[in-house]
Amino acid sequence: MDVTDANGEVSFTGLPLGLYYGVESKAPAGLQTVKPFLVTLPLSNPAGDGWMYRFLPVPQGCRWLHQGANGQ
């Protein structure tokens, strides 16, 4: 289990492809925890013609911000 840093961020490297379950058990002061969520690796890119291996989940809008495609 990894824990977020002082900014509330966590980064994983070397994860095998698969389905992952994200849970936030504690939030910084003044913020609420997000509901648990599922994410698959890789994700399809917004154009639907490739794969994303790096991304930033944004739970409130259930949208994904693209950070890189094809492992970049």
N, C-alpha and C. Protein backbone atom coordinates (compact mmCIF):
# COMPACT_ATOMS: atom_id res chain seq x y z
N MET A 1 0.86 -1.18 0.00
CA MET A 1 0.00 0.00 0.00
C MET A 1 0.90 1.23 0.00
N ASP A 2 0.64 2.17 -0.89
CA ASP A 2 1.38 3.41 -0.93
C ASP A 2 0.57 4.51 -0.27
N VAL A 3 1.27 5.50 0.26
CA VAL A 3 0.64 6.62 0.95
C VAL A 3 0.96 7.89 0.18
N THR A 4 0.03 8.83 0.19
CA THR A 4 0.24 10.09 -0.52
C THR A 4 1.30 10.94 0.16
N ASP A 5 1.87 11.86 -0.60
CA ASP A 5 2.85 12.79 -0.05
C ASP A 5 2.14 13.99 0.57
N ALA A 6 2.89 15.01 0.95
CA ALA A 6 2.32 16.20 1.60
C ALA A 6 1.32 16.93 0.71
N ASN A 7 1.41 16.74 -0.62
CA ASN A 7 0.48 17.37 -1.56
C ASN A 7 -0.72 16.49 -1.86
N GLY A 8 -0.80 15.33 -1.22
CA GLY A 8 -1.91 14.41 -1.49
C GLY A 8 -1.74 13.61 -2.76
N GLU A 9 -0.51 13.51 -3.25
CA GLU A 9 -0.25 12.80 -4.50
C GLU A 9 0.50 11.50 -4.24
N VAL A 10 0.25 10.53 -5.08
CA VAL A 10 0.97 9.26 -5.03
C VAL A 10 1.29 8.85 -6.45
N SER A 11 2.42 8.20 -6.62
CA SER A 11 2.84 7.76 -7.95
C SER A 11 3.26 6.30 -7.86
N PHE A 12 2.86 5.53 -8.86
CA PHE A 12 3.23 4.13 -8.94
C PHE A 12 4.03 3.90 -10.21
N THR A 13 5.03 3.06 -10.14
CA THR A 13 5.79 2.70 -11.33
C THR A 13 5.89 1.18 -11.40
N GLY A 14 5.99 0.67 -12.60
CA GLY A 14 6.19 -0.75 -12.80
C GLY A 14 4.97 -1.62 -12.51
N LEU A 15 3.78 -1.03 -12.51
CA LEU A 15 2.58 -1.82 -12.27
C LEU A 15 2.29 -2.69 -13.48
N PRO A 16 1.91 -3.94 -13.26
CA PRO A 16 1.49 -4.75 -14.41
C PRO A 16 0.14 -4.27 -14.94
N LEU A 17 -0.14 -4.58 -16.18
CA LEU A 17 -1.43 -4.23 -16.76
C LEU A 17 -2.52 -4.94 -15.97
N GLY A 18 -3.64 -4.25 -15.74
CA GLY A 18 -4.72 -4.88 -15.00
C GLY A 18 -5.74 -3.89 -14.50
N LEU A 19 -6.60 -4.36 -13.61
CA LEU A 19 -7.65 -3.57 -12.99
C LEU A 19 -7.22 -3.24 -11.56
N TYR A 20 -7.29 -1.97 -11.18
CA TYR A 20 -6.87 -1.53 -9.85
C TYR A 20 -8.01 -0.83 -9.13
N TYR A 21 -8.02 -0.97 -7.82
CA TYR A 21 -9.04 -0.40 -6.94
C TYR A 21 -8.36 0.68 -6.10
N GLY A 22 -8.79 1.92 -6.25
CA GLY A 22 -8.22 3.04 -5.51
C GLY A 22 -9.10 3.43 -4.33
N VAL A 23 -8.48 3.62 -3.17
CA VAL A 23 -9.21 3.99 -1.96
C VAL A 23 -8.44 5.09 -1.25
N GLU A 24 -9.14 6.12 -0.86
CA GLU A 24 -8.55 7.18 -0.04
C GLU A 24 -9.14 7.03 1.36
N SER A 25 -8.30 6.71 2.32
CA SER A 25 -8.79 6.45 3.67
C SER A 25 -8.77 7.69 4.56
N LYS A 26 -7.99 8.69 4.18
CA LYS A 26 -7.90 9.91 4.98
C LYS A 26 -7.59 11.08 4.05
N ALA A 27 -8.22 12.22 4.30
CA ALA A 27 -8.00 13.40 3.46
C ALA A 27 -7.30 14.48 4.27
N PRO A 28 -6.58 15.38 3.59
CA PRO A 28 -5.98 16.51 4.29
C PRO A 28 -7.05 17.37 4.96
N ALA A 29 -6.67 18.12 5.96
CA ALA A 29 -7.60 18.98 6.68
C ALA A 29 -8.36 19.89 5.70
N GLY A 30 -9.67 19.96 5.86
CA GLY A 30 -10.51 20.81 5.03
C GLY A 30 -10.99 20.16 3.75
N LEU A 31 -10.54 18.93 3.46
CA LEU A 31 -10.97 18.23 2.25
C LEU A 31 -11.67 16.94 2.61
N GLN A 32 -12.52 16.46 1.71
CA GLN A 32 -13.22 15.20 1.91
C GLN A 32 -12.50 14.09 1.15
N THR A 33 -12.66 12.86 1.64
CA THR A 33 -12.11 11.73 0.90
C THR A 33 -12.97 11.49 -0.34
N VAL A 34 -12.36 10.90 -1.35
CA VAL A 34 -13.11 10.54 -2.55
C VAL A 34 -13.65 9.13 -2.39
N LYS A 35 -14.69 8.81 -3.13
CA LYS A 35 -15.24 7.46 -3.12
C LYS A 35 -14.23 6.52 -3.78
N PRO A 36 -14.20 5.26 -3.35
CA PRO A 36 -13.31 4.29 -4.00
C PRO A 36 -13.61 4.24 -5.51
N PHE A 37 -12.58 3.95 -6.29
CA PHE A 37 -12.74 3.93 -7.74
C PHE A 37 -11.92 2.81 -8.36
N LEU A 38 -12.31 2.40 -9.55
CA LEU A 38 -11.59 1.39 -10.32
C LEU A 38 -10.91 2.07 -11.50
N VAL A 39 -9.75 1.57 -11.86
CA VAL A 39 -9.04 2.07 -13.04
C VAL A 39 -8.32 0.90 -13.69
N THR A 40 -8.32 0.88 -15.01
CA THR A 40 -7.59 -0.16 -15.73
C THR A 40 -6.32 0.43 -16.32
N LEU A 41 -5.30 -0.39 -16.42
CA LEU A 41 -4.06 -0.02 -17.08
C LEU A 41 -3.84 -0.99 -18.22
N PRO A 42 -3.67 -0.51 -19.43
CA PRO A 42 -3.72 0.89 -19.83
C PRO A 42 -5.15 1.35 -20.05
N LEU A 43 -5.30 2.67 -20.22
CA LEU A 43 -6.58 3.27 -20.60
C LEU A 43 -6.52 3.57 -22.09
N SER A 44 -7.67 3.58 -22.75
CA SER A 44 -7.65 4.02 -24.14
C SER A 44 -7.50 5.53 -24.16
N ASN A 45 -6.82 6.04 -25.17
CA ASN A 45 -6.62 7.49 -25.26
C ASN A 45 -7.91 8.16 -25.72
N PRO A 46 -8.01 9.50 -25.55
CA PRO A 46 -9.25 10.19 -25.93
C PRO A 46 -9.66 9.99 -27.39
N ALA A 47 -8.69 9.82 -28.28
CA ALA A 47 -9.01 9.62 -29.70
C ALA A 47 -9.46 8.19 -29.98
N GLY A 48 -9.22 7.28 -29.05
CA GLY A 48 -9.61 5.90 -29.25
C GLY A 48 -8.71 5.11 -30.18
N ASP A 49 -7.51 5.64 -30.45
CA ASP A 49 -6.62 4.94 -31.38
C ASP A 49 -5.28 4.56 -30.76
N GLY A 50 -5.21 4.55 -29.44
CA GLY A 50 -3.97 4.20 -28.77
C GLY A 50 -4.20 4.00 -27.28
N TRP A 51 -3.12 3.89 -26.53
CA TRP A 51 -3.22 3.59 -25.10
C TRP A 51 -2.49 4.62 -24.26
N MET A 52 -3.02 4.86 -23.08
CA MET A 52 -2.39 5.76 -22.10
C MET A 52 -1.90 4.91 -20.93
N TYR A 53 -0.66 5.10 -20.56
CA TYR A 53 -0.09 4.41 -19.42
C TYR A 53 0.15 5.35 -18.24
N ARG A 54 0.06 6.64 -18.51
CA ARG A 54 0.22 7.65 -17.46
C ARG A 54 -1.00 8.56 -17.50
N PHE A 55 -1.59 8.81 -16.35
CA PHE A 55 -2.78 9.65 -16.31
C PHE A 55 -2.96 10.18 -14.90
N LEU A 56 -3.83 11.14 -14.77
CA LEU A 56 -4.17 11.75 -13.49
C LEU A 56 -5.66 11.60 -13.27
N PRO A 57 -6.08 10.78 -12.30
CA PRO A 57 -7.51 10.67 -12.06
C PRO A 57 -8.05 11.92 -11.37
N VAL A 58 -9.19 12.37 -11.83
CA VAL A 58 -9.86 13.53 -11.24
C VAL A 58 -11.23 13.04 -10.78
N PRO A 59 -11.36 12.61 -9.52
CA PRO A 59 -12.57 11.92 -9.10
C PRO A 59 -13.84 12.73 -9.10
N GLN A 60 -13.82 14.03 -8.86
CA GLN A 60 -15.08 14.78 -8.74
C GLN A 60 -15.88 14.78 -10.02
N GLY A 61 -15.22 14.93 -11.16
CA GLY A 61 -15.94 14.93 -12.42
C GLY A 61 -15.90 13.60 -13.13
N CYS A 62 -15.22 12.62 -12.52
CA CYS A 62 -15.05 11.31 -13.14
C CYS A 62 -14.45 11.44 -14.54
N ARG A 63 -13.58 12.42 -14.70
CA ARG A 63 -12.88 12.60 -15.97
C ARG A 63 -11.42 12.26 -15.76
N TRP A 64 -10.73 11.94 -16.83
CA TRP A 64 -9.31 11.60 -16.76
C TRP A 64 -8.54 12.65 -17.55
N LEU A 65 -7.51 13.18 -16.95
CA LEU A 65 -6.66 14.14 -17.64
C LEU A 65 -5.51 13.38 -18.26
N HIS A 66 -5.37 13.50 -19.55
CA HIS A 66 -4.34 12.78 -20.31
C HIS A 66 -2.98 13.37 -20.02
N GLN A 67 -2.01 12.53 -19.62
CA GLN A 67 -0.65 12.99 -19.39
C GLN A 67 0.35 12.38 -20.36
N GLY A 68 -0.01 11.31 -21.00
CA GLY A 68 0.93 10.71 -21.93
C GLY A 68 0.32 9.49 -22.60
N ALA A 69 0.74 9.23 -23.80
CA ALA A 69 0.20 8.08 -24.52
C ALA A 69 1.33 7.10 -24.82
N ASN A 70 0.96 5.85 -24.95
CA ASN A 70 1.91 4.80 -25.34
C ASN A 70 3.14 4.76 -24.43
N GLY A 71 2.92 4.96 -23.13
CA GLY A 71 3.99 4.86 -22.16
C GLY A 71 4.87 6.10 -22.07
N GLN A 72 4.53 7.15 -22.78
CA GLN A 72 5.35 8.38 -22.78
C GLN A 72 4.95 9.29 -21.65
